[in-house]
Amino acid sequence: LMPTPYALLHRRSAGRLTNGPASAAAFGGLAVISVSLVALGVLTASAGHTKAGAVLSANAVESANAVEANDACTNGFPADFVWGLGTAAYQIEGGWNATNRSPSIWDVFSHTKGAVAGGDTGDVADDVIHRWRDDIALMSTLGLKHYRFSLSWSRMMSWDGHSMVPNEPGIAWYSDFLDGLLEAGITAHVTLYHWDLPQALHEHRGGWHTPDNERILTEFEAYATLAFERLGSRVATWFTFNEPWTFTVSGYSAGNHAPGCVPAQAGRGPCAGGDVTPYVVSTNVLNAHARAVAVYRTRFAATLGGRISITLNCEFARPLTNSAADAAAAERALQFWLGWWLEPLLSGDYPAAMRRNVGERLPSFSPEQRELLIGSIDLLGINHYSTHMVRDVADGERGDASSGWEADQHVVATFGAGWPQAASPWQRSYPAGLRGLLNWVAARYKGDIYVTENGWSCNSFTAAAAAADQEQLDYYTGYTEQVRLALVEDGVPVRGYFGWSLLDNFEWADGYSKRFGLYYVNYTTQQRTPKKAAAWWKETRSAC
């Protein structure tokens, strides 16, 4: 999400917003239809499909039997299916200097003139730093049993001139918050890093953008260790990073998110080093993830009993036509988006498609790094909001190029004609895309999958309109039905779903102009008003 004139360079789709000639699909129109996986481009149309397809077919029988045996829920999901909602620290907490918090790159970026729509900042946001008890009561009213949120590294630790050290007032705040969740019977799922790098580490330790940056890896490992030690007994699931694709591409290639290109450059536009830096960033981030997981598994897992992973985002890619070239282009887009992060966790290296297209600009992992990376997830979190129709570039055509990462794919992406439009220009509703994505993931990763973000950028901008917002409700019913079909009919081991978000909040470079929450927030009074989808959640997702 970003300010004009870069409203078409968003944190997820990076400029792929042209309408295409694909078939129309209304919000709920696909919710009750069993969509062919062949049509979704997940499997081939041959008699035997693919080996992965055969495995999924076998799993479908097992999953259907398991759901039938354990189906005490009227919503069609197993009784132990996890339903939760999510938020992120900089988007909701406020209290920019409370609890001795120090600045992050988002504090600096949001206070940069022209960086965020309306000149908005996260200084106050939803003021959860002061209103957290009321917000936990709000969760209880909703019947919420699982809550996913992130820690602010800048609140947990402070810069002492040499390194980051524990910040006791900040740690105490998170400890109290976790106690409050526990008392309310709400299970905590915690993200260590949701885009807000301490500014001191960006300036004095080379940040994520310095090649082979051992200093940032050491700092992240120390931060993760502190969080595990002080808070881990009350956390069911840890996620090292949320959507590393977003802060890597938007922050270091497109330049519309913090830190807004490295080195800083005058004016707006793709980063000058945007064809190299994002791959340096991804390598550092993946290595930091692996180091934190190793610490957790070695020192804490046995005693704390939690799990650890990462959340990866992806907009599903469908071939625009039935041509082999477009099928290959759609697969290439998925490899650049999700494979970029997932493949190193499975094989220890980046996807072959990226090696071919990026060449020497794509770093390599050492044998020691590969060993730590492979298998460094206990489950997989998938964030998903929309789908694209993708075609191959024609001879002499450059393809989409709003960032260096995007240009490397050699594809053109569009939306399907008639797909409902969210308030955010980068989002259209196509529920079947989530089912297709879950199948694509399950063909590669053999473990539990959780949808860790999915939500709608609402076209309702008053409390009254939000209370009657049918679009948001249709989005949720359509997408959750596709999750159910992936589980029951396709055998995808999807074990939970977290909607985005509990509250309207600071939507990054869009400031407060976009609203994803189940609760409408009046930012002047901080009053929370339930939207129509909140009542649906309470009635159908809070209990069987």
Protein backbone atom coordinates (compact mmCIF):
# COMPACT_ATOMS: atom_id res chain seq x y z
CA LEU A 1 0.00 0.00 0.00
CA MET A 2 1.44 3.31 -0.94
CA PRO A 3 0.70 6.98 -1.50
CA THR A 4 -0.05 8.53 -4.86
CA PRO A 5 1.43 8.78 -7.40
CA TYR A 6 2.46 5.21 -6.69
CA ALA A 7 -0.97 3.83 -5.83
CA LEU A 8 -0.35 1.16 -8.45
CA LEU A 9 2.77 -0.12 -6.74
CA HIS A 10 1.32 -1.98 -3.80
CA ARG A 11 2.85 -4.11 -1.12
CA ARG A 12 1.50 -7.28 -2.68
CA SER A 13 0.87 -6.95 -6.40
CA ALA A 14 3.56 -4.40 -7.31
CA GLY A 15 1.67 -2.81 -10.14
CA ARG A 16 -0.26 -5.70 -11.71
CA LEU A 17 -3.60 -4.00 -12.04
CA THR A 18 -4.65 -3.98 -15.70
CA ASN A 19 -8.01 -5.57 -16.46
CA GLY A 20 -7.80 -8.70 -18.59
CA PRO A 21 -10.27 -10.75 -20.58
CA ALA A 22 -10.68 -13.51 -18.00
CA SER A 23 -14.11 -14.75 -16.99
CA ALA A 24 -16.02 -12.85 -14.33
CA ALA A 25 -16.54 -14.20 -10.83
CA ALA A 26 -18.68 -12.50 -8.22
CA PHE A 27 -17.79 -12.57 -4.52
CA GLY A 28 -19.94 -15.49 -3.53
CA GLY A 29 -20.49 -16.96 -6.95
CA LEU A 30 -17.63 -19.39 -6.60
CA ALA A 31 -18.25 -20.09 -2.96
CA VAL A 32 -20.61 -22.98 -3.58
CA ILE A 33 -18.98 -24.34 -6.70
CA SER A 34 -16.40 -27.11 -6.68
CA VAL A 35 -13.81 -25.49 -8.93
CA SER A 36 -11.81 -27.77 -11.20
CA LEU A 37 -8.15 -27.88 -10.26
CA VAL A 38 -7.40 -28.25 -13.93
CA ALA A 39 -9.09 -24.92 -14.58
CA LEU A 40 -7.13 -23.39 -11.73
CA GLY A 41 -3.90 -24.47 -13.38
CA VAL A 42 -2.83 -26.62 -10.41
CA LEU A 43 -3.00 -29.95 -12.24
CA THR A 44 -2.74 -30.96 -15.86
CA ALA A 45 -5.67 -32.31 -17.85
CA SER A 46 -4.07 -35.69 -18.48
CA ALA A 47 -5.77 -38.88 -17.31
CA GLY A 48 -3.48 -39.29 -14.35
CA HIS A 49 -2.99 -35.57 -13.66
CA THR A 50 0.34 -35.30 -11.83
CA LYS A 51 2.09 -37.32 -9.19
CA ALA A 52 1.30 -34.55 -6.74
CA GLY A 53 -2.30 -34.66 -7.87
CA ALA A 54 -2.50 -38.38 -7.16
CA VAL A 55 -1.15 -37.78 -3.67
CA LEU A 56 -3.68 -35.02 -3.08
CA SER A 57 -6.50 -37.24 -4.33
CA ALA A 58 -5.52 -39.92 -1.83
CA ASN A 59 -5.26 -37.33 0.89
CA ALA A 60 -8.72 -36.01 -0.01
CA VAL A 61 -10.32 -39.32 0.96
CA GLU A 62 -8.45 -39.35 4.26
CA SER A 63 -9.31 -35.70 4.95
CA ALA A 64 -12.97 -36.16 4.08
CA ASN A 65 -13.19 -39.15 6.41
CA ALA A 66 -11.44 -37.23 9.16
CA VAL A 67 -13.79 -34.26 8.78
CA GLU A 68 -16.83 -36.54 8.79
CA ALA A 69 -15.62 -38.32 11.91
CA ASN A 70 -14.74 -35.09 13.68
CA ASP A 71 -17.35 -32.76 12.19
CA ALA A 72 -19.19 -31.24 15.09
CA CYS A 73 -19.29 -27.84 13.42
CA THR A 74 -22.19 -26.47 11.44
CA ASN A 75 -19.75 -24.47 9.29
CA GLY A 76 -18.43 -27.68 7.73
CA PHE A 77 -14.96 -27.57 9.33
CA PRO A 78 -13.44 -29.99 11.83
CA ALA A 79 -13.96 -29.18 15.49
CA ASP A 80 -10.21 -28.63 15.97
CA PHE A 81 -9.84 -26.24 13.03
CA VAL A 82 -8.19 -23.01 14.22
CA TRP A 83 -10.09 -19.75 13.64
CA GLY A 84 -8.25 -16.54 14.48
CA LEU A 85 -7.68 -12.90 13.61
CA GLY A 86 -4.46 -10.96 13.20
CA THR A 87 -2.82 -7.57 13.67
CA ALA A 88 0.69 -6.09 13.60
CA ALA A 89 2.55 -3.92 16.09
CA TYR A 90 3.19 -0.74 14.10
CA GLN A 91 -0.30 -0.85 12.61
CA ILE A 92 -2.22 -0.89 15.91
CA GLU A 93 -0.09 -0.16 18.98
CA GLY A 94 0.62 3.56 18.80
CA GLY A 95 2.61 4.72 21.81
CA TRP A 96 5.52 5.67 19.59
CA ASN A 97 7.69 6.56 22.60
CA ALA A 98 5.78 4.78 25.39
CA THR A 99 7.56 2.04 27.35
CA ASN A 100 10.86 3.59 26.24
CA ARG A 101 10.26 2.46 22.65
CA SER A 102 12.86 3.64 20.12
CA PRO A 103 12.28 4.52 16.43
CA SER A 104 11.89 1.92 13.69
CA ILE A 105 12.34 2.42 9.96
CA TRP A 106 8.57 2.90 9.74
CA ASP A 107 8.68 5.79 12.22
CA VAL A 108 11.24 7.51 10.04
CA PHE A 109 9.53 6.63 6.75
CA SER A 110 6.04 7.69 7.84
CA HIS A 111 7.39 11.04 9.02
CA THR A 112 9.00 11.64 5.64
CA LYS A 113 7.00 14.17 3.62
CA GLY A 114 4.99 12.50 0.88
CA ALA A 115 5.78 8.94 1.93
CA VAL A 116 2.37 8.06 3.37
CA ALA A 117 -1.09 9.07 2.16
CA GLY A 118 -2.48 12.02 4.08
CA GLY A 119 0.77 12.45 5.98
CA ASP A 120 -0.44 9.72 8.35
CA THR A 121 1.87 8.00 10.84
CA GLY A 122 1.62 5.13 13.30
CA ASP A 123 2.30 7.40 16.27
CA VAL A 124 -1.14 6.71 17.76
CA ALA A 125 -2.77 4.18 15.39
CA ASP A 126 -5.42 2.22 17.37
CA ASP A 127 -3.79 3.19 20.67
CA VAL A 128 -3.70 -0.45 21.73
CA ILE A 129 -0.72 0.36 23.94
CA HIS A 130 -3.23 2.02 26.30
CA ARG A 131 -6.48 0.25 25.34
CA TRP A 132 -5.32 -3.36 25.29
CA ARG A 133 -7.55 -4.52 28.12
CA ASP A 134 -10.63 -3.21 26.33
CA ASP A 135 -9.48 -4.82 23.09
CA ILE A 136 -9.03 -8.21 24.75
CA ALA A 137 -12.58 -7.81 26.08
CA LEU A 138 -13.62 -7.04 22.49
CA MET A 139 -12.00 -10.28 21.35
CA SER A 140 -13.89 -12.18 24.01
CA THR A 141 -17.16 -10.59 22.92
CA LEU A 142 -16.42 -11.86 19.42
CA GLY A 143 -15.74 -15.36 20.75
CA LEU A 144 -12.16 -15.21 19.51
CA LYS A 145 -9.95 -18.10 20.66
CA HIS A 146 -6.78 -17.46 18.60
CA TYR A 147 -5.01 -14.14 18.08
CA ARG A 148 -1.99 -13.47 15.93
CA PHE A 149 0.03 -10.32 16.55
CA SER A 150 3.59 -9.10 16.24
CA LEU A 151 6.17 -7.76 18.64
CA SER A 152 7.88 -4.45 18.01
CA TRP A 153 11.62 -5.08 18.04
CA SER A 154 12.00 -1.38 18.93
CA ARG A 155 9.81 -1.88 22.00
CA MET A 156 11.42 -5.14 23.08
CA MET A 157 14.97 -3.81 22.78
CA SER A 158 16.87 -0.51 22.76
CA TRP A 159 20.07 0.63 21.08
CA ASP A 160 22.90 1.27 23.54
CA GLY A 161 25.34 2.68 21.00
CA HIS A 162 26.85 -0.69 20.18
CA SER A 163 24.02 -3.24 19.97
CA MET A 164 20.40 -3.83 20.89
CA VAL A 165 19.80 -4.59 24.58
CA PRO A 166 16.65 -5.62 26.48
CA ASN A 167 14.14 -2.83 27.12
CA GLU A 168 12.42 -3.90 30.32
CA PRO A 169 9.37 -1.57 30.14
CA GLY A 170 8.55 -2.85 26.66
CA ILE A 171 9.03 -6.47 27.63
CA ALA A 172 6.77 -5.94 30.64
CA TRP A 173 4.02 -4.52 28.41
CA TYR A 174 4.05 -7.59 26.17
CA SER A 175 4.16 -9.85 29.21
CA ASP A 176 1.05 -8.18 30.63
CA PHE A 177 -0.69 -8.39 27.27
CA LEU A 178 0.04 -12.12 26.96
CA ASP A 179 -1.21 -12.67 30.50
CA GLY A 180 -4.40 -10.87 29.55
CA LEU A 181 -4.90 -13.10 26.52
CA LEU A 182 -4.25 -16.19 28.63
CA GLU A 183 -6.78 -15.11 31.25
CA ALA A 184 -9.36 -14.60 28.48
CA GLY A 185 -8.74 -18.08 27.08
CA ILE A 186 -7.19 -16.73 23.88
CA THR A 187 -4.20 -18.56 22.38
CA ALA A 188 -1.32 -16.34 21.24
CA HIS A 189 0.46 -16.74 17.89
CA VAL A 190 3.34 -14.27 17.75
CA THR A 191 5.37 -12.81 14.89
CA LEU A 192 8.85 -11.54 15.67
CA TYR A 193 9.19 -9.23 12.68
CA HIS A 194 6.37 -7.48 10.84
CA TRP A 195 8.40 -4.98 8.80
CA ASP A 196 9.55 -2.58 11.56
CA LEU A 197 13.35 -2.87 11.76
CA PRO A 198 14.88 -0.68 14.49
CA GLN A 199 16.25 2.41 12.78
CA ALA A 200 19.53 2.05 14.67
CA LEU A 201 20.16 -1.35 13.06
CA HIS A 202 19.40 0.09 9.63
CA GLU A 203 21.86 2.94 10.19
CA HIS A 204 24.58 1.33 12.29
CA ARG A 205 24.47 -2.40 11.55
CA GLY A 206 23.87 -2.41 7.81
CA GLY A 207 20.22 -3.47 8.03
CA TRP A 208 18.90 -6.17 5.72
CA HIS A 209 20.43 -4.58 2.62
CA THR A 210 24.14 -5.23 3.27
CA PRO A 211 25.48 -8.39 1.59
CA ASP A 212 26.37 -11.28 3.91
CA ASN A 213 25.54 -9.14 6.91
CA GLU A 214 26.55 -11.21 9.92
CA ARG A 215 25.85 -8.24 12.19
CA ILE A 216 22.10 -8.19 11.45
CA LEU A 217 21.93 -11.99 11.74
CA THR A 218 23.53 -11.84 15.19
CA GLU A 219 21.18 -9.04 16.29
CA PHE A 220 18.09 -10.92 15.10
CA GLU A 221 19.21 -14.10 16.82
CA ALA A 222 19.67 -12.19 20.08
CA TYR A 223 16.22 -10.60 19.70
CA ALA A 224 14.56 -13.94 19.00
CA THR A 225 16.33 -15.52 21.97
CA LEU A 226 15.13 -12.74 24.26
CA ALA A 227 11.54 -13.15 23.07
CA PHE A 228 11.63 -16.92 23.52
CA GLU A 229 13.13 -16.61 27.00
CA ARG A 230 10.84 -13.94 28.37
CA LEU A 231 7.55 -14.61 26.57
CA GLY A 232 7.73 -18.12 25.12
CA SER A 233 5.84 -19.93 27.87
CA ARG A 234 2.64 -18.16 26.75
CA VAL A 235 3.04 -18.48 22.97
CA ALA A 236 1.69 -21.43 20.99
CA THR A 237 3.24 -20.57 17.63
CA TRP A 238 6.12 -18.32 16.68
CA PHE A 239 6.55 -16.80 13.23
CA THR A 240 9.97 -15.36 12.52
CA PHE A 241 8.91 -13.03 9.68
CA ASN A 242 5.63 -11.91 8.21
CA GLU A 243 5.48 -11.52 4.44
CA PRO A 244 9.19 -11.03 3.75
CA TRP A 245 8.23 -10.60 0.07
CA THR A 246 6.39 -7.39 0.91
CA PHE A 247 9.03 -5.52 2.86
CA THR A 248 11.74 -6.77 0.50
CA VAL A 249 10.10 -5.77 -2.79
CA SER A 250 8.23 -2.69 -1.55
CA GLY A 251 11.01 -1.41 0.69
CA TYR A 252 14.10 -2.19 -1.38
CA SER A 253 12.96 -2.52 -5.02
CA ALA A 254 9.77 -0.49 -5.57
CA GLY A 255 10.63 2.00 -2.84
CA ASN A 256 7.08 2.66 -1.64
CA HIS A 257 7.59 1.16 1.84
CA ALA A 258 10.20 1.66 4.53
CA PRO A 259 13.07 2.19 4.23
CA GLY A 260 12.17 3.61 0.80
CA CYS A 261 15.23 2.43 -1.18
CA VAL A 262 18.82 1.93 -0.06
CA PRO A 263 20.71 4.11 -0.57
CA ALA A 264 18.05 6.80 -0.21
CA GLN A 265 17.26 8.58 -3.46
CA ALA A 266 15.53 11.82 -4.35
CA GLY A 267 12.01 11.65 -5.71
CA ARG A 268 9.73 8.70 -6.30
CA GLY A 269 10.23 5.65 -8.44
CA PRO A 270 11.71 2.17 -8.41
CA CYS A 271 14.90 1.93 -6.39
CA ALA A 272 18.15 2.51 -8.25
CA GLY A 273 19.49 -0.78 -6.88
CA GLY A 274 16.15 -2.53 -7.11
CA ASP A 275 17.43 -5.24 -9.43
CA VAL A 276 20.08 -6.39 -6.93
CA THR A 277 19.22 -5.28 -3.38
CA PRO A 278 16.03 -7.32 -2.91
CA TYR A 279 17.96 -10.53 -3.46
CA VAL A 280 20.57 -9.47 -0.90
CA VAL A 281 17.75 -8.70 1.53
CA SER A 282 16.04 -12.05 0.96
CA THR A 283 19.25 -13.95 1.59
CA ASN A 284 19.86 -12.15 4.88
CA VAL A 285 16.25 -12.60 5.97
CA LEU A 286 16.17 -16.30 5.18
CA ASN A 287 19.43 -16.85 7.04
CA ALA A 288 18.10 -14.87 10.02
CA HIS A 289 14.97 -17.03 10.00
CA ALA A 290 17.01 -20.23 9.99
CA ARG A 291 19.22 -19.02 12.85
CA ALA A 292 16.22 -18.12 15.01
CA VAL A 293 14.56 -21.47 14.34
CA ALA A 294 17.75 -23.30 15.26
CA VAL A 295 17.86 -21.45 18.58
CA TYR A 296 14.23 -22.23 19.34
CA ARG A 297 14.53 -25.91 18.49
CA THR A 298 17.81 -26.35 20.34
CA ARG A 299 17.06 -24.41 23.51
CA PHE A 300 13.31 -23.94 23.92
CA ALA A 301 11.04 -26.27 21.96
CA ALA A 302 11.33 -29.24 24.29
CA THR A 303 10.39 -27.25 27.39
CA LEU A 304 7.95 -24.73 25.91
CA GLY A 305 6.20 -27.12 23.54
CA GLY A 306 5.46 -24.49 20.89
CA ARG A 307 6.02 -24.49 17.14
CA ILE A 308 7.92 -22.10 14.91
CA SER A 309 7.61 -21.11 11.27
CA ILE A 310 7.32 -18.16 8.88
CA THR A 311 4.38 -16.57 7.04
CA LEU A 312 4.73 -16.17 3.28
CA ASN A 313 2.34 -14.22 1.06
CA CYS A 314 1.35 -14.98 -2.50
CA GLU A 315 -1.25 -13.81 -4.97
CA PHE A 316 -2.17 -16.89 -6.99
CA ALA A 317 -1.28 -16.85 -10.70
CA ARG A 318 -3.53 -18.38 -13.35
CA PRO A 319 -2.53 -18.64 -17.04
CA LEU A 320 -4.36 -16.02 -19.10
CA THR A 321 -4.83 -18.50 -21.95
CA ASN A 322 -4.45 -22.23 -22.49
CA SER A 323 -1.08 -21.79 -24.21
CA ALA A 324 2.00 -23.55 -22.89
CA ALA A 325 3.82 -20.22 -22.79
CA ASP A 326 1.21 -18.66 -20.49
CA ALA A 327 1.15 -21.77 -18.28
CA ALA A 328 4.92 -21.49 -17.92
CA ALA A 329 4.61 -17.76 -17.21
CA ALA A 330 2.07 -18.36 -14.43
CA GLU A 331 4.31 -20.98 -12.86
CA ARG A 332 7.28 -18.63 -13.16
CA ALA A 333 5.31 -15.89 -11.39
CA LEU A 334 4.49 -18.27 -8.54
CA GLN A 335 8.12 -19.31 -8.24
CA PHE A 336 9.24 -15.67 -8.10
CA TRP A 337 6.59 -14.78 -5.54
CA LEU A 338 6.30 -17.76 -3.22
CA GLY A 339 9.01 -20.14 -4.41
CA TRP A 340 11.55 -17.37 -3.77
CA TRP A 341 11.00 -17.96 -0.03
CA LEU A 342 9.60 -21.47 0.17
CA GLU A 343 12.09 -23.35 -2.00
CA PRO A 344 15.12 -22.48 0.19
CA LEU A 345 13.21 -23.91 3.18
CA LEU A 346 12.67 -27.15 1.28
CA SER A 347 15.86 -27.60 -0.76
CA GLY A 348 18.32 -25.00 0.51
CA ASP A 349 18.40 -23.01 -2.73
CA TYR A 350 16.38 -20.53 -4.74
CA PRO A 351 14.07 -21.81 -7.51
CA ALA A 352 15.62 -22.78 -10.85
CA ALA A 353 13.45 -20.20 -12.62
CA MET A 354 15.03 -17.46 -10.53
CA ARG A 355 18.53 -18.79 -11.10
CA ARG A 356 17.89 -18.63 -14.85
CA ASN A 357 16.38 -15.15 -14.93
CA VAL A 358 18.33 -13.37 -12.22
CA GLY A 359 21.72 -14.99 -12.84
CA GLU A 360 24.70 -13.74 -10.88
CA ARG A 361 22.63 -11.13 -9.10
CA LEU A 362 21.04 -13.91 -7.04
CA PRO A 363 23.25 -14.84 -4.05
CA SER A 364 24.07 -18.41 -3.08
CA PHE A 365 23.81 -20.11 0.31
CA SER A 366 26.79 -21.79 1.92
CA PRO A 367 26.58 -25.50 2.83
CA GLU A 368 26.17 -24.54 6.49
CA GLN A 369 23.38 -22.11 5.66
CA ARG A 370 21.59 -24.69 3.53
CA GLU A 371 21.70 -27.18 6.37
CA LEU A 372 19.98 -24.71 8.71
CA LEU A 373 17.43 -23.64 6.09
CA ILE A 374 16.17 -27.05 4.98
CA GLY A 375 13.18 -28.08 7.07
CA SER A 376 13.24 -24.92 9.21
CA ILE A 377 9.43 -24.75 9.52
CA ASP A 378 7.11 -26.79 11.73
CA LEU A 379 4.13 -25.65 9.66
CA LEU A 380 3.60 -23.09 6.89
CA GLY A 381 1.70 -19.82 7.14
CA ILE A 382 0.22 -18.51 3.88
CA ASN A 383 -1.13 -14.98 3.43
CA HIS A 384 -3.39 -14.41 0.43
CA TYR A 385 -5.62 -11.58 -0.79
CA SER A 386 -6.10 -11.76 -4.55
CA THR A 387 -5.32 -13.59 -7.82
CA HIS A 388 -3.78 -12.55 -11.15
CA MET A 389 -4.18 -13.72 -14.71
CA VAL A 390 -0.67 -14.07 -16.13
CA ARG A 391 0.70 -14.27 -19.66
CA ASP A 392 4.16 -14.59 -21.14
CA VAL A 393 5.85 -11.57 -22.67
CA ALA A 394 5.72 -11.19 -26.43
CA ASP A 395 8.88 -10.86 -28.52
CA GLY A 396 10.52 -7.54 -27.72
CA GLU A 397 8.15 -6.86 -24.82
CA ARG A 398 9.64 -6.05 -21.44
CA GLY A 399 6.66 -7.10 -19.35
CA ASP A 400 5.65 -5.73 -15.96
CA ALA A 401 8.46 -3.61 -14.57
CA SER A 402 7.30 -1.47 -11.65
CA SER A 403 10.28 -2.89 -9.72
CA GLY A 404 13.45 -4.75 -10.57
CA TRP A 405 12.07 -7.94 -9.02
CA GLU A 406 8.98 -7.73 -11.19
CA ALA A 407 10.94 -7.07 -14.37
CA ASP A 408 13.00 -10.22 -13.78
CA GLN A 409 9.93 -12.43 -14.25
CA HIS A 410 9.22 -11.54 -17.90
CA VAL A 411 5.45 -11.74 -17.46
CA VAL A 412 2.38 -9.52 -17.73
CA ALA A 413 -0.30 -9.88 -15.03
CA THR A 414 -3.89 -8.67 -15.08
CA PHE A 415 -7.14 -9.12 -13.20
CA GLY A 416 -10.13 -11.01 -14.51
CA ALA A 417 -12.91 -8.91 -16.00
CA GLY A 418 -15.75 -8.43 -13.54
CA TRP A 419 -13.84 -9.44 -10.44
CA PRO A 420 -15.18 -7.26 -7.59
CA GLN A 421 -12.91 -4.31 -6.76
CA ALA A 422 -11.79 -3.53 -3.21
CA ALA A 423 -10.98 -0.04 -1.98
CA SER A 424 -7.30 -0.85 -2.47
CA PRO A 425 -6.56 -0.83 -6.22
CA TRP A 426 -4.36 -3.90 -5.92
CA GLN A 427 -7.15 -6.18 -4.66
CA ARG A 428 -9.93 -7.98 -6.52
CA SER A 429 -12.07 -10.83 -5.22
CA TYR A 430 -11.63 -14.27 -6.80
CA PRO A 431 -12.25 -16.83 -4.04
CA ALA A 432 -11.18 -19.90 -6.06
CA GLY A 433 -7.66 -18.50 -6.24
CA LEU A 434 -7.09 -19.35 -2.59
CA ARG A 435 -8.03 -22.97 -3.20
CA GLY A 436 -5.67 -23.08 -6.15
CA LEU A 437 -2.85 -21.60 -4.09
CA LEU A 438 -3.36 -24.06 -1.24
CA ASN A 439 -3.16 -26.95 -3.70
CA TRP A 440 -0.02 -25.49 -5.29
CA VAL A 441 1.62 -25.27 -1.87
CA ALA A 442 0.49 -28.75 -0.78
CA ALA A 443 2.04 -30.28 -3.89
CA ARG A 444 5.42 -29.00 -2.67
CA TYR A 445 5.29 -28.80 1.12
CA LYS A 446 4.20 -31.89 3.03
CA GLY A 447 3.09 -30.46 6.32
CA ASP A 448 0.36 -28.50 8.07
CA ILE A 449 -0.71 -25.30 6.33
CA TYR A 450 -2.42 -22.32 7.94
CA VAL A 451 -3.98 -19.37 6.13
CA THR A 452 -2.42 -16.68 8.31
CA GLU A 453 -3.88 -13.62 6.54
CA ASN A 454 -6.91 -13.13 4.32
CA GLY A 455 -9.19 -10.12 4.29
CA TRP A 456 -10.93 -7.38 2.32
CA SER A 457 -10.07 -3.73 1.82
CA CYS A 458 -13.51 -2.37 2.57
CA ASN A 459 -15.44 0.10 0.45
CA SER A 460 -17.24 1.30 3.59
CA PHE A 461 -15.83 4.44 5.20
CA THR A 462 -18.29 5.30 7.98
CA ALA A 463 -19.38 3.32 11.00
CA ALA A 464 -22.92 3.10 9.63
CA ALA A 465 -21.77 1.86 6.23
CA ALA A 466 -19.41 -0.64 7.86
CA ALA A 467 -22.23 -2.08 9.97
CA ALA A 468 -24.03 -2.96 6.72
CA ASP A 469 -20.98 -3.93 4.63
CA GLN A 470 -22.10 -6.94 2.60
CA GLU A 471 -18.98 -6.93 0.39
CA GLN A 472 -16.64 -7.75 3.25
CA LEU A 473 -18.97 -10.49 4.45
CA ASP A 474 -19.20 -11.97 0.95
CA TYR A 475 -15.42 -11.97 0.69
CA TYR A 476 -15.07 -13.91 3.93
CA THR A 477 -17.81 -16.43 3.12
CA GLY A 478 -16.45 -17.00 -0.38
CA TYR A 479 -12.83 -17.44 0.63
CA THR A 480 -13.45 -19.58 3.71
CA GLU A 481 -15.62 -21.89 1.60
CA GLN A 482 -12.70 -22.37 -0.77
CA VAL A 483 -10.52 -23.27 2.22
CA ARG A 484 -13.11 -25.88 3.20
CA LEU A 485 -13.15 -27.33 -0.32
CA ALA A 486 -9.35 -27.51 -0.36
CA LEU A 487 -9.47 -29.42 2.92
CA VAL A 488 -12.42 -31.73 2.30
CA GLU A 489 -12.35 -32.32 -1.45
CA ASP A 490 -8.65 -31.93 -2.27
CA GLY A 491 -7.02 -33.28 0.87
CA VAL A 492 -4.92 -30.20 1.51
CA PRO A 493 -3.79 -30.31 5.17
CA VAL A 494 -4.99 -26.79 5.99
CA ARG A 495 -5.47 -26.58 9.74
CA GLY A 496 -6.46 -22.99 10.42
CA TYR A 497 -7.52 -19.60 9.09
CA PHE A 498 -6.68 -16.13 10.42
CA GLY A 499 -8.69 -13.24 9.05
CA TRP A 500 -7.15 -9.84 8.54
CA SER A 501 -7.82 -7.89 10.61
CA LEU A 502 -9.37 -7.51 14.06
CA LEU A 503 -9.36 -3.70 13.79
CA ASP A 504 -9.10 -1.09 11.09
CA ASN A 505 -5.54 0.17 11.39
CA PHE A 506 -2.59 2.01 9.87
CA GLU A 507 -2.34 0.48 6.41
CA TRP A 508 1.29 1.30 5.76
CA ALA A 509 1.78 3.74 2.85
CA ASP A 510 -2.01 4.08 2.53
CA GLY A 511 -2.16 5.42 6.07
CA TYR A 512 -5.69 5.33 7.49
CA SER A 513 -7.42 5.59 4.11
CA LYS A 514 -7.96 1.82 3.81
CA ARG A 515 -9.88 -0.37 6.26
CA PHE A 516 -9.57 -4.17 6.67
CA GLY A 517 -10.88 -4.64 10.20
CA LEU A 518 -13.86 -6.57 11.48
CA TYR A 519 -14.27 -3.53 13.72
CA TYR A 520 -14.53 -0.02 12.33
CA VAL A 521 -12.25 2.38 14.20
CA ASN A 522 -12.99 6.08 14.62
CA TYR A 523 -9.45 7.41 14.87
CA THR A 524 -10.58 10.60 16.61
CA THR A 525 -12.49 8.93 19.43
CA GLN A 526 -10.90 5.43 19.15
CA GLN A 527 -14.40 3.94 19.29
CA ARG A 528 -14.62 0.41 17.86
CA THR A 529 -17.85 -0.46 16.00
CA PRO A 530 -18.53 -4.01 14.76
CA LYS A 531 -18.98 -4.43 11.02
CA LYS A 532 -21.49 -6.83 9.52
CA ALA A 533 -18.78 -9.48 9.09
CA ALA A 534 -18.08 -9.35 12.84
CA ALA A 535 -21.53 -10.72 13.59
CA TRP A 536 -20.99 -13.47 11.02
CA TRP A 537 -17.66 -14.36 12.63
CA LYS A 538 -19.20 -14.57 16.09
CA GLU A 539 -22.11 -16.70 14.87
CA THR A 540 -20.19 -19.13 12.64
CA ARG A 541 -16.47 -19.10 13.48
CA SER A 542 -16.26 -18.71 17.26
CA ALA A 543 -17.51 -22.18 18.20
CA CYS A 544 -19.08 -25.30 16.73
